[in-house]
């Protein structure tokens, strides 16, 4: 069974879509269906989903501040490695 979906696509999205479809010998509609199918499959088969909520990350703001946490961890790793393990180019 299939369904018809009508969407308005901005020109700046449609033109690259049309060009890509022409290069692959497909219609823009066929290409969009393939892309949507792949995106939906990726959502359904997310390998990390089984771990969501599986452990306490000891912080609820990780998603908002991940750059700071990663930077802090990297700085600690570099500090702990000491100058003897660093190369100067």
PDB file of N, CA and C in Angstrom:
ATOM      1  N   UNK A   1       0.837  -1.164   0.000  1.00  0.00           N
ATOM      2  CA  UNK A   1       0.000   0.000   0.000  1.00  0.00           C
ATOM      3  C   UNK A   1       0.891   1.239   0.000  1.00  0.00           C
ATOM      4  N   UNK A   2       0.513   2.234  -0.739  1.00  0.00           N
ATOM      5  CA  UNK A   2       1.274   3.475  -0.770  1.00  0.00           C
ATOM      6  C   UNK A   2       0.344   4.651  -0.483  1.00  0.00           C
ATOM      7  N   UNK A   3       0.939   5.770  -0.153  1.00  0.00           N
ATOM      8  CA  UNK A   3       0.196   6.987   0.174  1.00  0.00           C
ATOM      9  C   UNK A   3       0.761   8.132  -0.645  1.00  0.00           C
ATOM     10  N   UNK A   4      -0.091   9.055  -0.990  1.00  0.00           N
ATOM     11  CA  UNK A   4       0.339  10.245  -1.704  1.00  0.00           C
ATOM     12  C   UNK A   4       0.573  11.350  -0.692  1.00  0.00           C
ATOM     13  N   UNK A   5       1.725  11.989  -0.801  1.00  0.00           N
ATOM     14  CA  UNK A   5       2.093  13.088   0.081  1.00  0.00           C
ATOM     15  C   UNK A   5       2.467  14.264  -0.800  1.00  0.00           C
ATOM     16  N   UNK A   6       1.808  15.378  -0.598  1.00  0.00           N
ATOM     17  CA  UNK A   6       2.099  16.577  -1.384  1.00  0.00           C
ATOM     18  C   UNK A   6       2.790  17.586  -0.482  1.00  0.00           C
ATOM     19  N   UNK A   7       3.984  18.023  -0.908  1.00  0.00           N
ATOM     20  CA  UNK A   7       4.739  18.990  -0.115  1.00  0.00           C
ATOM     21  C   UNK A   7       5.222  20.127  -1.010  1.00  0.00           C
ATOM     22  N   UNK A   8       5.378  21.292  -0.419  1.00  0.00           N
ATOM     23  CA  UNK A   8       5.967  22.434  -1.120  1.00  0.00           C
ATOM     24  C   UNK A   8       7.442  22.493  -0.743  1.00  0.00           C
ATOM     25  N   UNK A   9       8.299  22.488  -1.753  1.00  0.00           N
ATOM     26  CA  UNK A   9       9.743  22.502  -1.532  1.00  0.00           C
ATOM     27  C   UNK A   9      10.294  23.831  -2.029  1.00  0.00           C
ATOM     28  N   UNK A  10      11.063  24.522  -1.206  1.00  0.00           N
ATOM     29  CA  UNK A  10      11.655  25.784  -1.647  1.00  0.00           C
ATOM     30  C   UNK A  10      12.578  25.564  -2.848  1.00  0.00           C
ATOM     31  N   UNK A  11      12.695  26.567  -3.665  1.00  0.00           N
ATOM     32  CA  UNK A  11      13.505  26.496  -4.879  1.00  0.00           C
ATOM     33  C   UNK A  11      14.943  26.087  -4.577  1.00  0.00           C
ATOM     34  N   UNK A  12      15.518  26.607  -3.486  1.00  0.00           N
ATOM     35  CA  UNK A  12      16.910  26.307  -3.159  1.00  0.00           C
ATOM     36  C   UNK A  12      17.106  24.856  -2.731  1.00  0.00           C
ATOM     37  N   UNK A  13      16.040  24.168  -2.410  1.00  0.00           N
ATOM     38  CA  UNK A  13      16.095  22.741  -2.105  1.00  0.00           C
ATOM     39  C   UNK A  13      15.783  21.928  -3.361  1.00  0.00           C
ATOM     40  N   UNK A  14      14.822  22.399  -4.133  1.00  0.00           N
ATOM     41  CA  UNK A  14      14.380  21.635  -5.298  1.00  0.00           C
ATOM     42  C   UNK A  14      15.444  21.565  -6.393  1.00  0.00           C
ATOM     43  N   UNK A  15      16.134  22.647  -6.644  1.00  0.00           N
ATOM     44  CA  UNK A  15      17.102  22.661  -7.748  1.00  0.00           C
ATOM     45  C   UNK A  15      18.225  21.629  -7.547  1.00  0.00           C
ATOM     46  N   UNK A  16      18.870  21.570  -6.375  1.00  0.00           N
ATOM     47  CA  UNK A  16      19.881  20.511  -6.196  1.00  0.00           C
ATOM     48  C   UNK A  16      19.265  19.114  -6.228  1.00  0.00           C
ATOM     49  N   UNK A  17      18.043  18.982  -5.734  1.00  0.00           N
ATOM     50  CA  UNK A  17      17.340  17.703  -5.782  1.00  0.00           C
ATOM     51  C   UNK A  17      17.120  17.280  -7.231  1.00  0.00           C
ATOM     52  N   UNK A  18      16.641  18.207  -8.041  1.00  0.00           N
ATOM     53  CA  UNK A  18      16.385  17.927  -9.458  1.00  0.00           C
ATOM     54  C   UNK A  18      17.685  17.547 -10.176  1.00  0.00           C
ATOM     55  N   UNK A  19      18.767  18.278  -9.894  1.00  0.00           N
ATOM     56  CA  UNK A  19      20.060  18.000 -10.530  1.00  0.00           C
ATOM     57  C   UNK A  19      20.574  16.610 -10.126  1.00  0.00           C
ATOM     58  N   UNK A  20      20.476  16.286  -8.857  1.00  0.00           N
ATOM     59  CA  UNK A  20      20.916  14.977  -8.373  1.00  0.00           C
ATOM     60  C   UNK A  20      20.083  13.862  -8.991  1.00  0.00           C
ATOM     61  N   UNK A  21      18.784  14.086  -9.086  1.00  0.00           N
ATOM     62  CA  UNK A  21      17.891  13.091  -9.685  1.00  0.00           C
ATOM     63  C   UNK A  21      18.240  12.866 -11.153  1.00  0.00           C
ATOM     64  N   UNK A  22      18.485  13.948 -11.879  1.00  0.00           N
ATOM     65  CA  UNK A  22      18.853  13.824 -13.300  1.00  0.00           C
ATOM     66  C   UNK A  22      20.157  13.053 -13.459  1.00  0.00           C
ATOM     67  N   UNK A  23      21.127  13.327 -12.584  1.00  0.00           N
ATOM     68  CA  UNK A  23      22.423  12.648 -12.666  1.00  0.00           C
ATOM     69  C   UNK A  23      22.298  11.155 -12.381  1.00  0.00           C
ATOM     70  N   UNK A  24      21.324  10.798 -11.568  1.00  0.00           N
ATOM     71  CA  UNK A  24      21.145   9.380 -11.240  1.00  0.00           C
ATOM     72  C   UNK A  24      20.109   8.700 -12.130  1.00  0.00           C
ATOM     73  N   UNK A  25      19.540   9.461 -13.076  1.00  0.00           N
ATOM     74  CA  UNK A  25      18.550   8.888 -13.991  1.00  0.00           C
ATOM     75  C   UNK A  25      17.218   8.578 -13.342  1.00  0.00           C
ATOM     76  N   UNK A  26      16.901   9.307 -12.279  1.00  0.00           N
ATOM     77  CA  UNK A  26      15.648   9.089 -11.567  1.00  0.00           C
ATOM     78  C   UNK A  26      14.844  10.379 -11.531  1.00  0.00           C
ATOM     79  N   UNK A  27      13.589  10.245 -11.170  1.00  0.00           N
ATOM     80  CA  UNK A  27      12.770  11.440 -10.982  1.00  0.00           C
ATOM     81  C   UNK A  27      13.047  11.995  -9.582  1.00  0.00           C
ATOM     82  N   UNK A  28      12.820  13.296  -9.394  1.00  0.00           N
ATOM     83  CA  UNK A  28      12.986  13.858  -8.049  1.00  0.00           C
ATOM     84  C   UNK A  28      12.101  13.134  -7.024  1.00  0.00           C
ATOM     85  N   UNK A  29      10.893  12.753  -7.423  1.00  0.00           N
ATOM     86  CA  UNK A  29       9.979  12.061  -6.518  1.00  0.00           C
ATOM     87  C   UNK A  29      10.550  10.717  -6.054  1.00  0.00           C
ATOM     88  N   UNK A  30      11.110   9.966  -6.995  1.00  0.00           N
ATOM     89  CA  UNK A  30      11.696   8.667  -6.662  1.00  0.00           C
ATOM     90  C   UNK A  30      12.872   8.843  -5.707  1.00  0.00           C
ATOM     91  N   UNK A  31      13.701   9.829  -5.985  1.00  0.00           N
ATOM     92  CA  UNK A  31      14.859  10.090  -5.137  1.00  0.00           C
ATOM     93  C   UNK A  31      14.432  10.473  -3.722  1.00  0.00           C
ATOM     94  N   UNK A  32      13.428  11.325  -3.611  1.00  0.00           N
ATOM     95  CA  UNK A  32      12.940  11.746  -2.294  1.00  0.00           C
ATOM     96  C   UNK A  32      12.376  10.557  -1.521  1.00  0.00           C
ATOM     97  N   UNK A  33      11.645   9.680  -2.200  1.00  0.00           N
ATOM     98  CA  UNK A  33      11.106   8.490  -1.532  1.00  0.00           C
ATOM     99  C   UNK A  33      12.250   7.618  -1.011  1.00  0.00           C
ATOM    100  N   UNK A  34      13.308   7.453  -1.803  1.00  0.00           N
ATOM    101  CA  UNK A  34      14.458   6.661  -1.364  1.00  0.00           C
ATOM    102  C   UNK A  34      15.127   7.298  -0.147  1.00  0.00           C
ATOM    103  N   UNK A  35      15.301   8.613  -0.177  1.00  0.00           N
ATOM    104  CA  UNK A  35      15.931   9.313   0.945  1.00  0.00           C
ATOM    105  C   UNK A  35      15.074   9.213   2.202  1.00  0.00           C
ATOM    106  N   UNK A  36      13.768   9.397   2.048  1.00  0.00           N
ATOM    107  CA  UNK A  36      12.883   9.289   3.208  1.00  0.00           C
ATOM    108  C   UNK A  36      12.890   7.870   3.775  1.00  0.00           C
ATOM    109  N   UNK A  37      12.875   6.889   2.907  1.00  0.00           N
ATOM    110  CA  UNK A  37      12.902   5.497   3.362  1.00  0.00           C
ATOM    111  C   UNK A  37      14.183   5.214   4.141  1.00  0.00           C
ATOM    112  N   UNK A  38      15.307   5.714   3.645  1.00  0.00           N
ATOM    113  CA  UNK A  38      16.582   5.516   4.333  1.00  0.00           C
ATOM    114  C   UNK A  38      16.582   6.232   5.687  1.00  0.00           C
ATOM    115  N   UNK A  39      16.042   7.445   5.732  1.00  0.00           N
ATOM    116  CA  UNK A  39      15.998   8.202   6.991  1.00  0.00           C
ATOM    117  C   UNK A  39      15.109   7.501   8.015  1.00  0.00           C
ATOM    118  N   UNK A  40      13.961   7.023   7.582  1.00  0.00           N
ATOM    119  CA  UNK A  40      13.054   6.321   8.489  1.00  0.00           C
ATOM    120  C   UNK A  40      13.693   5.029   8.982  1.00  0.00           C
ATOM    121  N   UNK A  41      14.344   4.305   8.090  1.00  0.00           N
ATOM    122  CA  UNK A  41      15.003   3.057   8.478  1.00  0.00           C
ATOM    123  C   UNK A  41      16.094   3.328   9.509  1.00  0.00           C
ATOM    124  N   UNK A  42      16.819   4.427   9.318  1.00  0.00           N
ATOM    125  CA  UNK A  42      17.872   4.794  10.270  1.00  0.00           C
ATOM    126  C   UNK A  42      17.271   5.078  11.648  1.00  0.00           C
ATOM    127  N   UNK A  43      16.123   5.749  11.674  1.00  0.00           N
ATOM    128  CA  UNK A  43      15.460   6.026  12.951  1.00  0.00           C
ATOM    129  C   UNK A  43      14.987   4.744  13.615  1.00  0.00           C
ATOM    130  N   UNK A  44      14.455   3.832  12.833  1.00  0.00           N
ATOM    131  CA  UNK A  44      13.927   2.573  13.355  1.00  0.00           C
ATOM    132  C   UNK A  44      15.061   1.686  13.863  1.00  0.00           C
ATOM    133  N   UNK A  45      16.182   1.683  13.163  1.00  0.00           N
ATOM    134  CA  UNK A  45      17.304   0.796  13.484  1.00  0.00           C
ATOM    135  C   UNK A  45      18.434   1.496  14.227  1.00  0.00           C
ATOM    136  N   UNK A  46      18.137   2.536  15.006  1.00  0.00           N
ATOM    137  CA  UNK A  46      19.170   3.272  15.712  1.00  0.00           C
ATOM    138  C   UNK A  46      19.881   2.354  16.705  1.00  0.00           C
ATOM    139  N   UNK A  47      21.164   2.043  16.473  1.00  0.00           N
ATOM    140  CA  UNK A  47      21.867   1.096  17.339  1.00  0.00           C
ATOM    141  C   UNK A  47      22.106   1.626  18.753  1.00  0.00           C
ATOM    142  N   UNK A  48      22.000   2.921  18.946  1.00  0.00           N
ATOM    143  CA  UNK A  48      22.257   3.504  20.257  1.00  0.00           C
ATOM    144  C   UNK A  48      20.977   3.587  21.099  1.00  0.00           C
ATOM    145  N   UNK A  49      19.837   3.475  20.457  1.00  0.00           N
ATOM    146  CA  UNK A  49      18.574   3.657  21.163  1.00  0.00           C
ATOM    147  C   UNK A  49      18.430   2.737  22.373  1.00  0.00           C
ATOM    148  N   UNK A  50      18.930   1.528  22.273  1.00  0.00           N
ATOM    149  CA  UNK A  50      18.802   0.584  23.392  1.00  0.00           C
ATOM    150  C   UNK A  50      19.527   1.057  24.644  1.00  0.00           C
ATOM    151  N   UNK A  51      20.474   1.992  24.488  1.00  0.00           N
ATOM    152  CA  UNK A  51      21.237   2.475  25.632  1.00  0.00           C
ATOM    153  C   UNK A  51      20.682   3.772  26.223  1.00  0.00           C
ATOM    154  N   UNK A  52      19.710   4.381  25.540  1.00  0.00           N
ATOM    155  CA  UNK A  52      19.144   5.630  26.045  1.00  0.00           C
ATOM    156  C   UNK A  52      18.489   5.369  27.394  1.00  0.00           C
ATOM    157  N   UNK A  53      18.945   6.080  28.410  1.00  0.00           N
ATOM    158  CA  UNK A  53      18.416   5.924  29.755  1.00  0.00           C
ATOM    159  C   UNK A  53      18.930   4.709  30.493  1.00  0.00           C
ATOM    160  N   UNK A  54      19.885   3.980  29.914  1.00  0.00           N
ATOM    161  CA  UNK A  54      20.362   2.748  30.533  1.00  0.00           C
ATOM    162  C   UNK A  54      21.294   3.008  31.713  1.00  0.00           C
ATOM    163  N   UNK A  55      21.893   4.183  31.785  1.00  0.00           N
ATOM    164  CA  UNK A  55      22.795   4.479  32.893  1.00  0.00           C
ATOM    165  C   UNK A  55      22.699   5.952  33.248  1.00  0.00           C
ATOM    166  N   UNK A  56      23.142   6.270  34.440  1.00  0.00           N
ATOM    167  CA  UNK A  56      23.113   7.634  34.937  1.00  0.00           C
ATOM    168  C   UNK A  56      24.367   8.351  34.455  1.00  0.00           C
ATOM    169  N   UNK A  57      24.171   9.410  33.697  1.00  0.00           N
ATOM    170  CA  UNK A  57      25.311  10.157  33.166  1.00  0.00           C
ATOM    171  C   UNK A  57      25.827  11.189  34.160  1.00  0.00           C
ATOM    172  N   UNK A  58      25.208  11.267  35.321  1.00  0.00           N
ATOM    173  CA  UNK A  58      25.581  12.197  36.388  1.00  0.00           C
ATOM    174  C   UNK A  58      25.530  13.642  35.924  1.00  0.00           C
ATOM    175  N   UNK A  59      24.613  13.939  35.065  1.00  0.00           N
ATOM    176  CA  UNK A  59      24.411  15.308  34.612  1.00  0.00           C
ATOM    177  C   UNK A  59      23.301  15.355  33.591  1.00  0.00           C
ATOM    178  N   UNK A  60      22.420  16.299  33.750  1.00  0.00           N
ATOM    179  CA  UNK A  60      21.303  16.377  32.814  1.00  0.00           C
ATOM    180  C   UNK A  60      21.535  17.396  31.709  1.00  0.00           C
ATOM    181  N   UNK A  61      22.658  18.101  31.775  1.00  0.00           N
ATOM    182  CA  UNK A  61      22.909  19.155  30.791  1.00  0.00           C
ATOM    183  C   UNK A  61      23.980  18.772  29.777  1.00  0.00           C
ATOM    184  N   UNK A  62      24.282  17.486  29.670  1.00  0.00           N
ATOM    185  CA  UNK A  62      25.366  17.048  28.800  1.00  0.00           C
ATOM    186  C   UNK A  62      25.148  17.466  27.355  1.00  0.00           C
ATOM    187  N   UNK A  63      23.932  17.352  26.869  1.00  0.00           N
ATOM    188  CA  UNK A  63      23.658  17.695  25.468  1.00  0.00           C
ATOM    189  C   UNK A  63      23.904  19.176  25.204  1.00  0.00           C
ATOM    190  N   UNK A  64      23.604  20.021  26.175  1.00  0.00           N
ATOM    191  CA  UNK A  64      23.783  21.458  25.998  1.00  0.00           C
ATOM    192  C   UNK A  64      25.229  21.910  26.182  1.00  0.00           C
ATOM    193  N   UNK A  65      26.001  21.162  26.980  1.00  0.00           N
ATOM    194  CA  UNK A  65      27.353  21.602  27.333  1.00  0.00           C
ATOM    195  C   UNK A  65      28.432  20.582  26.973  1.00  0.00           C
ATOM    196  N   UNK A  66      28.169  19.764  25.967  1.00  0.00           N
ATOM    197  CA  UNK A  66      29.118  18.700  25.646  1.00  0.00           C
ATOM    198  C   UNK A  66      30.486  19.236  25.232  1.00  0.00           C
ATOM    199  N   UNK A  67      30.540  20.386  24.563  1.00  0.00           N
ATOM    200  CA  UNK A  67      31.836  20.941  24.156  1.00  0.00           C
ATOM    201  C   UNK A  67      32.712  21.252  25.378  1.00  0.00           C
ATOM    202  N   UNK A  68      32.093  21.843  26.404  1.00  0.00           N
ATOM    203  CA  UNK A  68      32.864  22.151  27.606  1.00  0.00           C
ATOM    204  C   UNK A  68      33.344  20.872  28.294  1.00  0.00           C
ATOM    205  N   UNK A  69      32.463  19.869  28.391  1.00  0.00           N
ATOM    206  CA  UNK A  69      32.845  18.612  29.038  1.00  0.00           C
ATOM    207  C   UNK A  69      33.954  17.898  28.266  1.00  0.00           C
ATOM    208  N   UNK A  70      33.835  17.870  26.938  1.00  0.00           N
ATOM    209  CA  UNK A  70      34.873  17.221  26.136  1.00  0.00           C
ATOM    210  C   UNK A  70      36.191  17.982  26.226  1.00  0.00           C
ATOM    211  N   UNK A  71      36.096  19.312  26.205  1.00  0.00           N
ATOM    212  CA  UNK A  71      37.307  20.129  26.330  1.00  0.00           C
ATOM    213  C   UNK A  71      37.990  19.917  27.670  1.00  0.00           C
ATOM    214  N   UNK A  72      37.196  19.850  28.735  1.00  0.00           N
ATOM    215  CA  UNK A  72      37.753  19.607  30.065  1.00  0.00           C
ATOM    216  C   UNK A  72      38.427  18.242  30.124  1.00  0.00           C
ATOM    217  N   UNK A  73      37.776  17.239  29.550  1.00  0.00           N
ATOM    218  CA  UNK A  73      38.341  15.890  29.544  1.00  0.00           C
ATOM    219  C   UNK A  73      39.640  15.848  28.743  1.00  0.00           C
ATOM    220  N   UNK A  74      39.658  16.512  27.590  1.00  0.00           N
ATOM    221  CA  UNK A  74      40.870  16.550  26.776  1.00  0.00           C
ATOM    222  C   UNK A  74      42.000  17.257  27.511  1.00  0.00           C
ATOM    223  N   UNK A  75      41.683  18.372  28.175  1.00  0.00           N
ATOM    224  CA  UNK A  75      42.708  19.108  28.930  1.00  0.00           C
ATOM    225  C   UNK A  75      43.275  18.240  30.046  1.00  0.00           C
ATOM    226  N   UNK A  76      42.404  17.494  30.722  1.00  0.00           N
ATOM    227  CA  UNK A  76      42.875  16.609  31.791  1.00  0.00           C
ATOM    228  C   UNK A  76      43.757  15.490  31.234  1.00  0.00           C
ATOM    229  N   UNK A  77      43.384  14.956  30.079  1.00  0.00           N
ATOM    230  CA  UNK A  77      44.177  13.891  29.458  1.00  0.00           C
ATOM    231  C   UNK A  77      45.560  14.406  29.076  1.00  0.00           C
ATOM    232  N   UNK A  78      45.609  15.593  28.507  1.00  0.00           N
ATOM    233  CA  UNK A  78      46.893  16.180  28.116  1.00  0.00           C
ATOM    234  C   UNK A  78      47.733  16.476  29.353  1.00  0.00           C
ATOM    235  N   UNK A  79      47.085  17.021  30.385  1.00  0.00           N
ATOM    236  CA  UNK A  79      47.806  17.325  31.631  1.00  0.00           C
ATOM    237  C   UNK A  79      48.364  16.054  32.258  1.00  0.00           C
ATOM    238  N   UNK A  80      47.549  14.999  32.286  1.00  0.00           N
ATOM    239  CA  UNK A  80      47.976  13.739  32.901  1.00  0.00           C
ATOM    240  C   UNK A  80      49.072  13.043  32.108  1.00  0.00           C
ATOM    241  N   UNK A  81      49.118  13.290  30.787  1.00  0.00           N
ATOM    242  CA  UNK A  81      50.130  12.655  29.951  1.00  0.00           C
ATOM    243  C   UNK A  81      51.515  13.221  30.229  1.00  0.00           C
ATOM    244  N   UNK A  82      51.567  14.460  30.659  1.00  0.00           N
ATOM    245  CA  UNK A  82      52.847  15.078  30.987  1.00  0.00           C
ATOM    246  C   UNK A  82      53.609  15.506  29.750  1.00  0.00           C
ATOM    247  N   UNK A  83      54.594  16.353  29.921  1.00  0.00           N
ATOM    248  CA  UNK A  83      55.349  16.904  28.781  1.00  0.00           C
ATOM    249  C   UNK A  83      56.171  15.857  28.049  1.00  0.00           C
ATOM    250  N   UNK A  84      56.543  14.766  28.703  1.00  0.00           N
ATOM    251  CA  UNK A  84      57.381  13.769  28.028  1.00  0.00           C
ATOM    252  C   UNK A  84      56.645  13.033  26.908  1.00  0.00           C
ATOM    253  N   UNK A  85      55.314  13.008  26.945  1.00  0.00           N
ATOM    254  CA  UNK A  85      54.580  12.284  25.905  1.00  0.00           C
ATOM    255  C   UNK A  85      54.099  13.193  24.792  1.00  0.00           C
ATOM    256  N   UNK A  86      54.306  14.499  24.930  1.00  0.00           N
ATOM    257  CA  UNK A  86      53.889  15.435  23.881  1.00  0.00           C
ATOM    258  C   UNK A  86      55.018  15.643  22.888  1.00  0.00           C
ATOM    259  N   UNK A  87      54.675  15.789  21.624  1.00  0.00           N
ATOM    260  CA  UNK A  87      55.703  16.090  20.628  1.00  0.00           C
ATOM    261  C   UNK A  87      55.532  17.520  20.169  1.00  0.00           C
ATOM    262  N   UNK A  88      56.601  18.170  19.842  1.00  0.00           N
ATOM    263  CA  UNK A  88      56.581  19.553  19.404  1.00  0.00           C
ATOM    264  C   UNK A  88      56.761  19.654  17.902  1.00  0.00           C
ATOM    265  N   UNK A  89      55.949  18.885  17.139  1.00  0.00           N
ATOM    266  CA  UNK A  89      55.936  18.991  15.695  1.00  0.00           C
ATOM    267  C   UNK A  89      56.925  18.152  15.092  1.00  0.00           C
TER     268      UNK A  89
END
